[in-house]
């Protein structure tokens, strides 16, 4: 296929298969190769441009020395500045687009995918664990992916092995962690940052890989935290001193949490509970139990809709997780140190002697 056609639901599976096959045949010479040795996954990626390769290097979480991966996937990141690679197709102007029908068509064809109207396409074959990211130019990823690049490929690669990339943070004390679940604006990222800065461990502020085997384990996926200037100031960090870079598309700074707190960032964390933060401006943080339905509603919708491809399996996974783990609402104070202390005391008291 030399000229990319306009796509629609009737042609999307053929287009996905064509692009995956073409990427598999594409010469590797001249591309920028990176093998990301991540917790539980070796992600082998070939980039058309060096800048995006370096961005991913600075964002993706490396696994600890001596650890091995139980899964592997390969992704080609290609754009039309490369010889012989066609521009990504546009969605046909007169064609209806439904994300649910889009996912179902692709799933029925044995592939996963995502379309962004830049245009760009992400396709993945779960059977072969190979994928292609079709970009309009060497750095043309969707703007929300600068802090968590390649996240859909991580999601699809882990899903084929029974794990789920989850829209949640993970914080904890030794031997007892918790997922922080909630929609944007719930206080999830700010709570994770408070915990990281005040003695707790943290495996991510936005996405973690959750493994629900004999034990529930959260694995770090990205080393980047995101926070706006107000959130940094509330955490006691001085943004006026510089070194924070420029804000992203959402007005937030993206910074390396491993550099901010090398001893506090965890690659792996046992999960004993689900915590649902809520900004409440209380004098002291209060933690109260909630039922599994509330926990499932906090976890599943954003995780499933932000990470498309197998919605039914995603809802089953998160509903099972909510039934398995006790859940609590965390009504937040305005004191980051007190928030971290209250969460730490709760986890130690309730789960400190667990497994």
C-alpha atoms as a PDB file:
ATOM      1  CA  UNK A   1       0.000   0.000   0.000  1.00  0.00           C
ATOM      2  CA  UNK A   2       1.685   3.212  -1.153  1.00  0.00           C
ATOM      3  CA  UNK A   3      -1.055   5.828  -0.824  1.00  0.00           C
ATOM      4  CA  UNK A   4      -2.983   5.627   2.432  1.00  0.00           C
ATOM      5  CA  UNK A   5      -6.741   5.550   1.737  1.00  0.00           C
ATOM      6  CA  UNK A   6      -9.426   7.204   3.794  1.00  0.00           C
ATOM      7  CA  UNK A   7     -10.470   4.730   6.462  1.00  0.00           C
ATOM      8  CA  UNK A   8     -13.889   3.691   7.743  1.00  0.00           C
ATOM      9  CA  UNK A   9     -15.288   0.900   9.882  1.00  0.00           C
ATOM     10  CA  UNK A  10     -15.647  -1.411   6.889  1.00  0.00           C
ATOM     11  CA  UNK A  11     -11.961  -1.114   5.970  1.00  0.00           C
ATOM     12  CA  UNK A  12     -10.322  -0.673   9.355  1.00  0.00           C
ATOM     13  CA  UNK A  13      -9.299  -4.301   9.943  1.00  0.00           C
ATOM     14  CA  UNK A  14      -7.704  -4.563   6.500  1.00  0.00           C
ATOM     15  CA  UNK A  15      -5.885  -1.267   7.053  1.00  0.00           C
ATOM     16  CA  UNK A  16      -4.632  -2.379  10.469  1.00  0.00           C
ATOM     17  CA  UNK A  17      -3.394  -5.706   9.114  1.00  0.00           C
ATOM     18  CA  UNK A  18      -1.741  -3.988   6.165  1.00  0.00           C
ATOM     19  CA  UNK A  19       0.130  -1.505   8.363  1.00  0.00           C
ATOM     20  CA  UNK A  20       1.280  -4.183  10.822  1.00  0.00           C
ATOM     21  CA  UNK A  21       2.532  -6.355   7.965  1.00  0.00           C
ATOM     22  CA  UNK A  22       4.223  -3.424   6.219  1.00  0.00           C
ATOM     23  CA  UNK A  23       5.956  -2.439   9.451  1.00  0.00           C
ATOM     24  CA  UNK A  24       7.189  -5.984   9.885  1.00  0.00           C
ATOM     25  CA  UNK A  25       8.819  -5.831   6.439  1.00  0.00           C
ATOM     26  CA  UNK A  26      10.232  -2.339   6.847  1.00  0.00           C
ATOM     27  CA  UNK A  27      14.074  -2.182   6.803  1.00  0.00           C
ATOM     28  CA  UNK A  28      15.554  -1.549  10.219  1.00  0.00           C
ATOM     29  CA  UNK A  29      18.673   0.126   8.863  1.00  0.00           C
ATOM     30  CA  UNK A  30      18.670   3.830   9.687  1.00  0.00           C
ATOM     31  CA  UNK A  31      16.031   3.530  12.411  1.00  0.00           C
ATOM     32  CA  UNK A  32      16.722   4.309  16.061  1.00  0.00           C
ATOM     33  CA  UNK A  33      16.482   1.117  18.093  1.00  0.00           C
ATOM     34  CA  UNK A  34      15.689   0.959  21.801  1.00  0.00           C
ATOM     35  CA  UNK A  35      15.092  -2.099  23.957  1.00  0.00           C
ATOM     36  CA  UNK A  36      13.163  -0.927  27.005  1.00  0.00           C
ATOM     37  CA  UNK A  37      13.762  -3.446  29.788  1.00  0.00           C
ATOM     38  CA  UNK A  38      10.746  -2.655  31.935  1.00  0.00           C
ATOM     39  CA  UNK A  39       9.184  -4.433  34.918  1.00  0.00           C
ATOM     40  CA  UNK A  40       7.709  -7.677  33.527  1.00  0.00           C
ATOM     41  CA  UNK A  41       8.127  -6.589  29.880  1.00  0.00           C
ATOM     42  CA  UNK A  42      10.839  -6.221  27.260  1.00  0.00           C
ATOM     43  CA  UNK A  43       9.570  -3.631  24.776  1.00  0.00           C
ATOM     44  CA  UNK A  44      11.587  -3.637  21.553  1.00  0.00           C
ATOM     45  CA  UNK A  45      10.965  -0.373  19.671  1.00  0.00           C
ATOM     46  CA  UNK A  46      12.257   0.984  16.355  1.00  0.00           C
ATOM     47  CA  UNK A  47      11.828   4.742  15.927  1.00  0.00           C
ATOM     48  CA  UNK A  48      12.002   6.844  12.799  1.00  0.00           C
ATOM     49  CA  UNK A  49      13.238   9.846  14.804  1.00  0.00           C
ATOM     50  CA  UNK A  50      15.779  10.152  17.602  1.00  0.00           C
ATOM     51  CA  UNK A  51      13.823  12.796  19.545  1.00  0.00           C
ATOM     52  CA  UNK A  52      10.888  10.521  20.271  1.00  0.00           C
ATOM     53  CA  UNK A  53      13.236   7.665  21.166  1.00  0.00           C
ATOM     54  CA  UNK A  54      14.940   9.886  23.730  1.00  0.00           C
ATOM     55  CA  UNK A  55      11.590  11.057  25.120  1.00  0.00           C
ATOM     56  CA  UNK A  56      10.567   7.454  25.718  1.00  0.00           C
ATOM     57  CA  UNK A  57      13.918   6.703  27.349  1.00  0.00           C
ATOM     58  CA  UNK A  58      13.300   9.502  29.849  1.00  0.00           C
ATOM     59  CA  UNK A  59       9.725   8.398  30.625  1.00  0.00           C
ATOM     60  CA  UNK A  60       9.556   4.603  30.656  1.00  0.00           C
ATOM     61  CA  UNK A  61      10.431   2.811  33.880  1.00  0.00           C
ATOM     62  CA  UNK A  62      13.474   0.497  33.731  1.00  0.00           C
ATOM     63  CA  UNK A  63      13.373  -2.677  35.776  1.00  0.00           C
ATOM     64  CA  UNK A  64      15.889  -3.413  38.498  1.00  0.00           C
ATOM     65  CA  UNK A  65      19.234  -4.940  37.599  1.00  0.00           C
ATOM     66  CA  UNK A  66      19.136  -8.725  37.595  1.00  0.00           C
ATOM     67  CA  UNK A  67      15.386  -8.994  37.041  1.00  0.00           C
ATOM     68  CA  UNK A  68      13.949 -10.694  33.963  1.00  0.00           C
ATOM     69  CA  UNK A  69      10.795 -10.084  31.944  1.00  0.00           C
ATOM     70  CA  UNK A  70       7.971 -12.571  31.448  1.00  0.00           C
ATOM     71  CA  UNK A  71       6.734 -10.944  28.230  1.00  0.00           C
ATOM     72  CA  UNK A  72       8.097  -9.278  25.127  1.00  0.00           C
ATOM     73  CA  UNK A  73       6.604  -7.068  22.396  1.00  0.00           C
ATOM     74  CA  UNK A  74       7.919  -5.203  19.362  1.00  0.00           C
ATOM     75  CA  UNK A  75       6.681  -1.845  18.050  1.00  0.00           C
ATOM     76  CA  UNK A  76       7.644   0.091  14.927  1.00  0.00           C
ATOM     77  CA  UNK A  77       7.183   3.882  15.172  1.00  0.00           C
ATOM     78  CA  UNK A  78       7.106   5.135  11.583  1.00  0.00           C
ATOM     79  CA  UNK A  79       6.190   8.311   9.703  1.00  0.00           C
ATOM     80  CA  UNK A  80       6.103   9.506   6.059  1.00  0.00           C
ATOM     81  CA  UNK A  81       9.492  11.258   6.265  1.00  0.00           C
ATOM     82  CA  UNK A  82      10.937   7.733   6.062  1.00  0.00           C
ATOM     83  CA  UNK A  83      11.551   6.272   2.586  1.00  0.00           C
ATOM     84  CA  UNK A  84       8.645   4.196   1.352  1.00  0.00           C
ATOM     85  CA  UNK A  85       6.353   4.699   4.332  1.00  0.00           C
ATOM     86  CA  UNK A  86       2.917   6.097   3.449  1.00  0.00           C
ATOM     87  CA  UNK A  87       1.218   8.935   5.359  1.00  0.00           C
ATOM     88  CA  UNK A  88      -1.372   7.754   7.886  1.00  0.00           C
ATOM     89  CA  UNK A  89      -4.915   7.532   6.572  1.00  0.00           C
ATOM     90  CA  UNK A  90      -7.551  10.083   7.490  1.00  0.00           C
ATOM     91  CA  UNK A  91     -10.938   8.943   8.695  1.00  0.00           C
ATOM     92  CA  UNK A  92     -13.361   9.212   5.801  1.00  0.00           C
ATOM     93  CA  UNK A  93     -15.320  12.458   6.149  1.00  0.00           C
ATOM     94  CA  UNK A  94     -18.711  10.912   5.428  1.00  0.00           C
ATOM     95  CA  UNK A  95     -18.121   7.864   7.655  1.00  0.00           C
ATOM     96  CA  UNK A  96     -19.605   7.486  11.120  1.00  0.00           C
ATOM     97  CA  UNK A  97     -17.066   7.021  13.913  1.00  0.00           C
ATOM     98  CA  UNK A  98     -17.995   5.144  17.073  1.00  0.00           C
ATOM     99  CA  UNK A  99     -15.164   4.205  19.420  1.00  0.00           C
ATOM    100  CA  UNK A 100     -17.097   1.165  20.625  1.00  0.00           C
ATOM    101  CA  UNK A 101     -17.771  -0.088  17.095  1.00  0.00           C
ATOM    102  CA  UNK A 102     -14.163   0.726  16.162  1.00  0.00           C
ATOM    103  CA  UNK A 103     -12.843  -1.437  19.017  1.00  0.00           C
ATOM    104  CA  UNK A 104     -15.278  -4.256  18.284  1.00  0.00           C
ATOM    105  CA  UNK A 105     -14.426  -4.389  14.592  1.00  0.00           C
ATOM    106  CA  UNK A 106     -10.721  -4.542  15.335  1.00  0.00           C
ATOM    107  CA  UNK A 107     -11.159  -7.120  18.105  1.00  0.00           C
ATOM    108  CA  UNK A 108     -13.208  -9.321  15.780  1.00  0.00           C
ATOM    109  CA  UNK A 109     -10.313  -9.098  13.333  1.00  0.00           C
ATOM    110  CA  UNK A 110      -7.816 -10.120  15.995  1.00  0.00           C
ATOM    111  CA  UNK A 111      -6.129  -6.727  16.402  1.00  0.00           C
ATOM    112  CA  UNK A 112      -6.204  -3.729  18.715  1.00  0.00           C
ATOM    113  CA  UNK A 113      -6.052  -0.097  17.679  1.00  0.00           C
ATOM    114  CA  UNK A 114      -6.522   3.590  18.346  1.00  0.00           C
ATOM    115  CA  UNK A 115      -7.078   6.556  16.026  1.00  0.00           C
ATOM    116  CA  UNK A 116      -6.183  10.188  16.678  1.00  0.00           C
ATOM    117  CA  UNK A 117      -7.224  12.826  14.149  1.00  0.00           C
ATOM    118  CA  UNK A 118      -3.702  14.282  13.671  1.00  0.00           C
ATOM    119  CA  UNK A 119      -3.962  11.706  12.010  1.00  0.00           C
ATOM    120  CA  UNK A 120      -2.093   8.933  13.762  1.00  0.00           C
ATOM    121  CA  UNK A 121      -2.811   5.251  14.238  1.00  0.00           C
ATOM    122  CA  UNK A 122      -1.715   2.685  16.791  1.00  0.00           C
ATOM    123  CA  UNK A 123      -2.234  -0.967  15.873  1.00  0.00           C
ATOM    124  CA  UNK A 124      -1.234  -4.116  17.756  1.00  0.00           C
ATOM    125  CA  UNK A 125      -1.516  -7.827  17.005  1.00  0.00           C
ATOM    126  CA  UNK A 126      -1.855  -9.669  20.344  1.00  0.00           C
ATOM    127  CA  UNK A 127      -1.054 -13.041  18.792  1.00  0.00           C
ATOM    128  CA  UNK A 128       2.382 -12.008  17.521  1.00  0.00           C
ATOM    129  CA  UNK A 129       2.907  -9.203  20.087  1.00  0.00           C
ATOM    130  CA  UNK A 130       3.851  -6.799  17.306  1.00  0.00           C
ATOM    131  CA  UNK A 131       2.566  -3.301  16.685  1.00  0.00           C
ATOM    132  CA  UNK A 132       2.961  -0.173  14.617  1.00  0.00           C
ATOM    133  CA  UNK A 133       2.566   3.503  15.501  1.00  0.00           C
ATOM    134  CA  UNK A 134       1.793   5.407  12.275  1.00  0.00           C
ATOM    135  CA  UNK A 135       2.657   9.072  12.846  1.00  0.00           C
ATOM    136  CA  UNK A 136       2.185  12.160  10.652  1.00  0.00           C
ATOM    137  CA  UNK A 137       5.778  13.250  11.445  1.00  0.00           C
ATOM    138  CA  UNK A 138       8.655  11.954  13.614  1.00  0.00           C
ATOM    139  CA  UNK A 139       7.347  13.516  16.843  1.00  0.00           C
ATOM    140  CA  UNK A 140       3.623  13.616  16.087  1.00  0.00           C
ATOM    141  CA  UNK A 141       2.289  11.673  19.062  1.00  0.00           C
ATOM    142  CA  UNK A 142      -0.986  12.815  20.670  1.00  0.00           C
ATOM    143  CA  UNK A 143      -0.204  15.682  23.080  1.00  0.00           C
ATOM    144  CA  UNK A 144      -1.444  13.826  26.161  1.00  0.00           C
ATOM    145  CA  UNK A 145       1.129  11.057  25.624  1.00  0.00           C
ATOM    146  CA  UNK A 146       4.292  13.068  26.329  1.00  0.00           C
ATOM    147  CA  UNK A 147       4.276  11.949  29.966  1.00  0.00           C
ATOM    148  CA  UNK A 148       3.263   8.362  29.235  1.00  0.00           C
ATOM    149  CA  UNK A 149       4.451   7.540  25.697  1.00  0.00           C
ATOM    150  CA  UNK A 150       3.648   4.154  24.132  1.00  0.00           C
ATOM    151  CA  UNK A 151       1.105   3.555  26.891  1.00  0.00           C
ATOM    152  CA  UNK A 152      -1.388   1.787  24.618  1.00  0.00           C
ATOM    153  CA  UNK A 153       1.263  -0.654  23.456  1.00  0.00           C
ATOM    154  CA  UNK A 154       2.162  -1.313  27.093  1.00  0.00           C
ATOM    155  CA  UNK A 155      -1.526  -1.848  27.800  1.00  0.00           C
ATOM    156  CA  UNK A 156      -2.006  -4.291  24.928  1.00  0.00           C
ATOM    157  CA  UNK A 157       1.253  -6.157  25.572  1.00  0.00           C
ATOM    158  CA  UNK A 158       0.450  -6.651  29.247  1.00  0.00           C
ATOM    159  CA  UNK A 159      -3.204  -7.542  28.586  1.00  0.00           C
ATOM    160  CA  UNK A 160      -2.194 -10.543  26.475  1.00  0.00           C
ATOM    161  CA  UNK A 161      -0.382 -11.816  29.578  1.00  0.00           C
ATOM    162  CA  UNK A 162      -3.216 -11.225  32.038  1.00  0.00           C
ATOM    163  CA  UNK A 163      -1.993  -7.925  33.469  1.00  0.00           C
ATOM    164  CA  UNK A 164      -3.626  -4.508  33.049  1.00  0.00           C
ATOM    165  CA  UNK A 165      -2.189  -1.053  32.639  1.00  0.00           C
ATOM    166  CA  UNK A 166      -4.420   0.802  35.066  1.00  0.00           C
ATOM    167  CA  UNK A 167      -5.340   4.472  35.338  1.00  0.00           C
ATOM    168  CA  UNK A 168      -4.392   4.758  39.001  1.00  0.00           C
ATOM    169  CA  UNK A 169      -1.537   5.723  41.276  1.00  0.00           C
ATOM    170  CA  UNK A 170       0.064   3.314  43.745  1.00  0.00           C
ATOM    171  CA  UNK A 171       1.369   4.276  47.186  1.00  0.00           C
ATOM    172  CA  UNK A 172       2.282   2.322  50.281  1.00  0.00           C
ATOM    173  CA  UNK A 173       4.419   1.340  53.209  1.00  0.00           C
ATOM    174  CA  UNK A 174       6.708  -1.688  53.352  1.00  0.00           C
ATOM    175  CA  UNK A 175       4.632  -4.751  52.454  1.00  0.00           C
ATOM    176  CA  UNK A 176       1.325  -2.913  52.104  1.00  0.00           C
ATOM    177  CA  UNK A 177       0.394  -0.736  49.157  1.00  0.00           C
ATOM    178  CA  UNK A 178      -2.813   0.654  47.731  1.00  0.00           C
ATOM    179  CA  UNK A 179      -4.145   1.810  44.407  1.00  0.00           C
ATOM    180  CA  UNK A 180      -5.267   5.439  44.326  1.00  0.00           C
ATOM    181  CA  UNK A 181      -8.264   5.520  42.010  1.00  0.00           C
ATOM    182  CA  UNK A 182     -10.394   8.383  40.817  1.00  0.00           C
ATOM    183  CA  UNK A 183     -11.238  10.652  37.940  1.00  0.00           C
ATOM    184  CA  UNK A 184      -9.183  13.681  36.974  1.00  0.00           C
ATOM    185  CA  UNK A 185      -9.438  16.347  39.666  1.00  0.00           C
ATOM    186  CA  UNK A 186     -10.052  13.885  42.501  1.00  0.00           C
ATOM    187  CA  UNK A 187      -6.666  14.552  44.087  1.00  0.00           C
ATOM    188  CA  UNK A 188      -5.038  11.307  42.955  1.00  0.00           C
ATOM    189  CA  UNK A 189      -1.794  12.796  41.613  1.00  0.00           C
ATOM    190  CA  UNK A 190      -1.446  15.298  44.440  1.00  0.00           C
ATOM    191  CA  UNK A 191      -1.934  12.535  46.997  1.00  0.00           C
ATOM    192  CA  UNK A 192       0.683  10.378  45.288  1.00  0.00           C
ATOM    193  CA  UNK A 193       3.149  13.278  45.322  1.00  0.00           C
ATOM    194  CA  UNK A 194       2.440  13.971  49.002  1.00  0.00           C
ATOM    195  CA  UNK A 195       3.136  10.333  49.813  1.00  0.00           C
ATOM    196  CA  UNK A 196       6.349  10.289  47.768  1.00  0.00           C
ATOM    197  CA  UNK A 197       7.687  13.398  49.504  1.00  0.00           C
ATOM    198  CA  UNK A 198       6.726  12.366  53.036  1.00  0.00           C
ATOM    199  CA  UNK A 199       8.059   8.906  53.657  1.00  0.00           C
ATOM    200  CA  UNK A 200       5.796   6.540  51.746  1.00  0.00           C
ATOM    201  CA  UNK A 201       6.694   4.611  48.627  1.00  0.00           C
ATOM    202  CA  UNK A 202       5.098   5.238  45.251  1.00  0.00           C
ATOM    203  CA  UNK A 203       4.981   3.274  41.982  1.00  0.00           C
ATOM    204  CA  UNK A 204       3.388   5.940  39.784  1.00  0.00           C
ATOM    205  CA  UNK A 205       0.962   8.849  39.923  1.00  0.00           C
ATOM    206  CA  UNK A 206      -1.195   8.141  36.871  1.00  0.00           C
ATOM    207  CA  UNK A 207      -0.660   4.655  35.414  1.00  0.00           C
ATOM    208  CA  UNK A 208       0.582   1.397  36.922  1.00  0.00           C
ATOM    209  CA  UNK A 209       0.542  -2.193  35.682  1.00  0.00           C
ATOM    210  CA  UNK A 210      -1.653  -4.354  37.910  1.00  0.00           C
ATOM    211  CA  UNK A 211      -1.139  -8.092  38.209  1.00  0.00           C
ATOM    212  CA  UNK A 212      -3.951  -9.996  39.931  1.00  0.00           C
ATOM    213  CA  UNK A 213      -2.478 -13.426  40.622  1.00  0.00           C
ATOM    214  CA  UNK A 214      -2.173 -15.107  43.997  1.00  0.00           C
ATOM    215  CA  UNK A 215      -1.274 -11.638  45.241  1.00  0.00           C
ATOM    216  CA  UNK A 216      -2.206  -8.300  43.685  1.00  0.00           C
ATOM    217  CA  UNK A 217       0.940  -6.484  42.570  1.00  0.00           C
ATOM    218  CA  UNK A 218       1.386  -2.995  41.100  1.00  0.00           C
ATOM    219  CA  UNK A 219       4.356  -2.586  38.762  1.00  0.00           C
ATOM    220  CA  UNK A 220       5.682   0.836  37.794  1.00  0.00           C
ATOM    221  CA  UNK A 221       5.307   1.745  34.108  1.00  0.00           C
ATOM    222  CA  UNK A 222       6.449   5.389  33.979  1.00  0.00           C
ATOM    223  CA  UNK A 223       8.887   7.369  36.090  1.00  0.00           C
ATOM    224  CA  UNK A 224       7.221  10.720  35.341  1.00  0.00           C
ATOM    225  CA  UNK A 225       4.852  12.609  37.625  1.00  0.00           C
ATOM    226  CA  UNK A 226       2.617  15.418  36.360  1.00  0.00           C
ATOM    227  CA  UNK A 227       1.510  18.390  38.450  1.00  0.00           C
ATOM    228  CA  UNK A 228       0.547  22.013  37.868  1.00  0.00           C
ATOM    229  CA  UNK A 229       2.302  24.929  39.571  1.00  0.00           C
ATOM    230  CA  UNK A 230      -0.315  25.149  42.309  1.00  0.00           C
ATOM    231  CA  UNK A 231      -0.001  21.471  43.105  1.00  0.00           C
ATOM    232  CA  UNK A 232       3.778  21.706  43.315  1.00  0.00           C
ATOM    233  CA  UNK A 233       3.527  24.696  45.639  1.00  0.00           C
ATOM    234  CA  UNK A 234       1.015  22.885  47.880  1.00  0.00           C
ATOM    235  CA  UNK A 235       3.504  20.015  48.077  1.00  0.00           C
ATOM    236  CA  UNK A 236       6.204  22.434  49.222  1.00  0.00           C
ATOM    237  CA  UNK A 237       8.159  22.481  45.956  1.00  0.00           C
ATOM    238  CA  UNK A 238       9.417  25.833  44.651  1.00  0.00           C
ATOM    239  CA  UNK A 239       8.631  26.157  40.945  1.00  0.00           C
ATOM    240  CA  UNK A 240      10.245  29.612  40.802  1.00  0.00           C
ATOM    241  CA  UNK A 241      13.736  28.134  41.155  1.00  0.00           C
ATOM    242  CA  UNK A 242      13.583  26.718  37.642  1.00  0.00           C
ATOM    243  CA  UNK A 243      14.548  23.308  36.379  1.00  0.00           C
ATOM    244  CA  UNK A 244      10.951  22.210  35.886  1.00  0.00           C
ATOM    245  CA  UNK A 245      10.907  22.799  32.128  1.00  0.00           C
ATOM    246  CA  UNK A 246       7.789  23.899  30.274  1.00  0.00           C
ATOM    247  CA  UNK A 247       4.239  22.830  30.986  1.00  0.00           C
ATOM    248  CA  UNK A 248       2.502  20.231  28.848  1.00  0.00           C
ATOM    249  CA  UNK A 249      -0.731  20.550  26.862  1.00  0.00           C
ATOM    250  CA  UNK A 250      -2.720  20.391  30.119  1.00  0.00           C
ATOM    251  CA  UNK A 251      -0.723  23.091  31.907  1.00  0.00           C
ATOM    252  CA  UNK A 252       1.205  20.607  34.044  1.00  0.00           C
ATOM    253  CA  UNK A 253       4.910  20.116  34.621  1.00  0.00           C
ATOM    254  CA  UNK A 254       6.297  16.672  33.864  1.00  0.00           C
ATOM    255  CA  UNK A 255       9.165  15.688  36.147  1.00  0.00           C
ATOM    256  CA  UNK A 256      11.208  12.609  36.991  1.00  0.00           C
ATOM    257  CA  UNK A 257       9.948  11.199  40.278  1.00  0.00           C
ATOM    258  CA  UNK A 258      12.964   8.897  40.591  1.00  0.00           C
ATOM    259  CA  UNK A 259      15.230  11.943  40.725  1.00  0.00           C
ATOM    260  CA  UNK A 260      12.921  13.736  43.136  1.00  0.00           C
ATOM    261  CA  UNK A 261      12.908  10.795  45.574  1.00  0.00           C
ATOM    262  CA  UNK A 262      15.192   7.915  44.519  1.00  0.00           C
ATOM    263  CA  UNK A 263      14.466   5.850  47.625  1.00  0.00           C
ATOM    264  CA  UNK A 264      10.733   6.509  47.558  1.00  0.00           C
ATOM    265  CA  UNK A 265       9.982   5.360  44.033  1.00  0.00           C
ATOM    266  CA  UNK A 266       9.128   1.648  43.869  1.00  0.00           C
ATOM    267  CA  UNK A 267       9.226  -0.603  40.828  1.00  0.00           C
ATOM    268  CA  UNK A 268       6.979  -3.188  42.485  1.00  0.00           C
ATOM    269  CA  UNK A 269       4.406  -2.924  45.259  1.00  0.00           C
ATOM    270  CA  UNK A 270       1.984  -5.415  46.872  1.00  0.00           C
ATOM    271  CA  UNK A 271      -1.541  -4.008  46.730  1.00  0.00           C
ATOM    272  CA  UNK A 272      -3.806  -4.577  49.742  1.00  0.00           C
ATOM    273  CA  UNK A 273      -6.496  -1.946  49.205  1.00  0.00           C
ATOM    274  CA  UNK A 274      -8.105   0.595  46.917  1.00  0.00           C
ATOM    275  CA  UNK A 275      -8.098   4.209  48.106  1.00  0.00           C
ATOM    276  CA  UNK A 276     -10.371   6.809  46.533  1.00  0.00           C
ATOM    277  CA  UNK A 277      -9.117  10.334  47.340  1.00  0.00           C
ATOM    278  CA  UNK A 278     -11.457  13.302  47.381  1.00  0.00           C
ATOM    279  CA  UNK A 279     -10.472  16.940  47.865  1.00  0.00           C
ATOM    280  CA  UNK A 280     -12.373  17.911  51.020  1.00  0.00           C
ATOM    281  CA  UNK A 281     -10.272  20.656  52.722  1.00  0.00           C
ATOM    282  CA  UNK A 282     -10.705  18.960  56.104  1.00  0.00           C
ATOM    283  CA  UNK A 283      -8.580  19.856  59.151  1.00  0.00           C
ATOM    284  CA  UNK A 284      -7.344  16.235  59.123  1.00  0.00           C
ATOM    285  CA  UNK A 285      -7.611  13.538  56.499  1.00  0.00           C
ATOM    286  CA  UNK A 286     -10.385  11.024  57.159  1.00  0.00           C
ATOM    287  CA  UNK A 287     -10.505   7.478  55.765  1.00  0.00           C
ATOM    288  CA  UNK A 288     -13.803   5.603  55.622  1.00  0.00           C
ATOM    289  CA  UNK A 289     -14.788   2.257  54.054  1.00  0.00           C
ATOM    290  CA  UNK A 290     -16.844   2.080  50.859  1.00  0.00           C
ATOM    291  CA  UNK A 291     -18.513  -0.821  49.092  1.00  0.00           C
ATOM    292  CA  UNK A 292     -17.019  -2.721  46.119  1.00  0.00           C
ATOM    293  CA  UNK A 293     -19.387  -1.055  43.667  1.00  0.00           C
ATOM    294  CA  UNK A 294     -17.969   2.378  44.458  1.00  0.00           C
ATOM    295  CA  UNK A 295     -14.439   1.025  44.047  1.00  0.00           C
ATOM    296  CA  UNK A 296     -15.281  -0.548  40.691  1.00  0.00           C
ATOM    297  CA  UNK A 297     -16.792   2.722  39.491  1.00  0.00           C
ATOM    298  CA  UNK A 298     -13.643   4.580  40.552  1.00  0.00           C
ATOM    299  CA  UNK A 299     -11.318   2.145  38.774  1.00  0.00           C
ATOM    300  CA  UNK A 300     -13.028   0.761  35.719  1.00  0.00           C
ATOM    301  CA  UNK A 301     -14.480   3.575  33.570  1.00  0.00           C
ATOM    302  CA  UNK A 302     -11.384   5.738  33.167  1.00  0.00           C
ATOM    303  CA  UNK A 303      -9.058   2.740  32.932  1.00  0.00           C
ATOM    304  CA  UNK A 304     -11.164   1.073  30.250  1.00  0.00           C
ATOM    305  CA  UNK A 305     -11.961   4.145  28.166  1.00  0.00           C
ATOM    306  CA  UNK A 306      -8.460   5.636  28.317  1.00  0.00           C
ATOM    307  CA  UNK A 307      -6.969   2.254  27.390  1.00  0.00           C
ATOM    308  CA  UNK A 308      -9.138   0.873  24.578  1.00  0.00           C
ATOM    309  CA  UNK A 309      -9.122  -2.500  22.928  1.00  0.00           C
ATOM    310  CA  UNK A 310     -10.909  -4.993  25.174  1.00  0.00           C
ATOM    311  CA  UNK A 311     -13.499  -3.154  27.225  1.00  0.00           C
ATOM    312  CA  UNK A 312     -15.446  -6.229  28.362  1.00  0.00           C
ATOM    313  CA  UNK A 313     -12.337  -7.945  29.704  1.00  0.00           C
ATOM    314  CA  UNK A 314     -11.270  -4.682  31.326  1.00  0.00           C
ATOM    315  CA  UNK A 315     -14.555  -4.299  33.195  1.00  0.00           C
ATOM    316  CA  UNK A 316     -14.340  -7.927  34.363  1.00  0.00           C
ATOM    317  CA  UNK A 317     -10.770  -7.420  35.593  1.00  0.00           C
ATOM    318  CA  UNK A 318     -11.505  -4.262  37.564  1.00  0.00           C
ATOM    319  CA  UNK A 319     -14.816  -5.526  38.932  1.00  0.00           C
ATOM    320  CA  UNK A 320     -12.990  -8.614  40.200  1.00  0.00           C
ATOM    321  CA  UNK A 321     -10.294  -6.439  41.721  1.00  0.00           C
ATOM    322  CA  UNK A 322     -12.903  -4.304  43.496  1.00  0.00           C
ATOM    323  CA  UNK A 323     -14.556  -7.417  44.957  1.00  0.00           C
ATOM    324  CA  UNK A 324     -11.203  -8.770  46.091  1.00  0.00           C
ATOM    325  CA  UNK A 325      -9.681  -5.710  47.782  1.00  0.00           C
ATOM    326  CA  UNK A 326     -11.161  -3.583  50.579  1.00  0.00           C
ATOM    327  CA  UNK A 327     -11.849  -0.032  49.467  1.00  0.00           C
ATOM    328  CA  UNK A 328     -11.817   3.288  51.285  1.00  0.00           C
ATOM    329  CA  UNK A 329     -12.670   6.877  50.541  1.00  0.00           C
ATOM    330  CA  UNK A 330      -9.914   9.295  51.578  1.00  0.00           C
ATOM    331  CA  UNK A 331     -11.290  12.738  52.421  1.00  0.00           C
ATOM    332  CA  UNK A 332      -8.233  14.936  52.124  1.00  0.00           C
ATOM    333  CA  UNK A 333      -6.911  17.720  54.292  1.00  0.00           C
ATOM    334  CA  UNK A 334      -4.767  20.505  52.823  1.00  0.00           C
ATOM    335  CA  UNK A 335      -1.557  19.330  54.530  1.00  0.00           C
ATOM    336  CA  UNK A 336       0.570  17.011  52.331  1.00  0.00           C
ATOM    337  CA  UNK A 337       2.601  15.670  55.265  1.00  0.00           C
ATOM    338  CA  UNK A 338      -0.549  14.906  57.246  1.00  0.00           C
ATOM    339  CA  UNK A 339      -2.167  13.217  54.235  1.00  0.00           C
ATOM    340  CA  UNK A 340       0.834  10.919  53.822  1.00  0.00           C
ATOM    341  CA  UNK A 341       1.006  10.187  57.545  1.00  0.00           C
ATOM    342  CA  UNK A 342      -2.691   9.295  57.755  1.00  0.00           C
ATOM    343  CA  UNK A 343      -2.503   6.983  54.748  1.00  0.00           C
ATOM    344  CA  UNK A 344       0.676   5.362  56.051  1.00  0.00           C
ATOM    345  CA  UNK A 345      -0.790   4.762  59.504  1.00  0.00           C
ATOM    346  CA  UNK A 346      -3.956   3.292  57.982  1.00  0.00           C
ATOM    347  CA  UNK A 347      -2.075   0.892  55.698  1.00  0.00           C
ATOM    348  CA  UNK A 348       0.275  -0.189  58.488  1.00  0.00           C
ATOM    349  CA  UNK A 349      -2.560  -0.748  60.953  1.00  0.00           C
ATOM    350  CA  UNK A 350      -4.849  -2.602  58.565  1.00  0.00           C
ATOM    351  CA  UNK A 351      -2.383  -4.508  56.387  1.00  0.00           C
ATOM    352  CA  UNK A 352       1.111  -4.223  57.825  1.00  0.00           C
ATOM    353  CA  UNK A 353       1.227  -7.908  58.798  1.00  0.00           C
ATOM    354  CA  UNK A 354      -0.414  -9.148  55.572  1.00  0.00           C
ATOM    355  CA  UNK A 355       1.319 -11.845  53.515  1.00  0.00           C
END
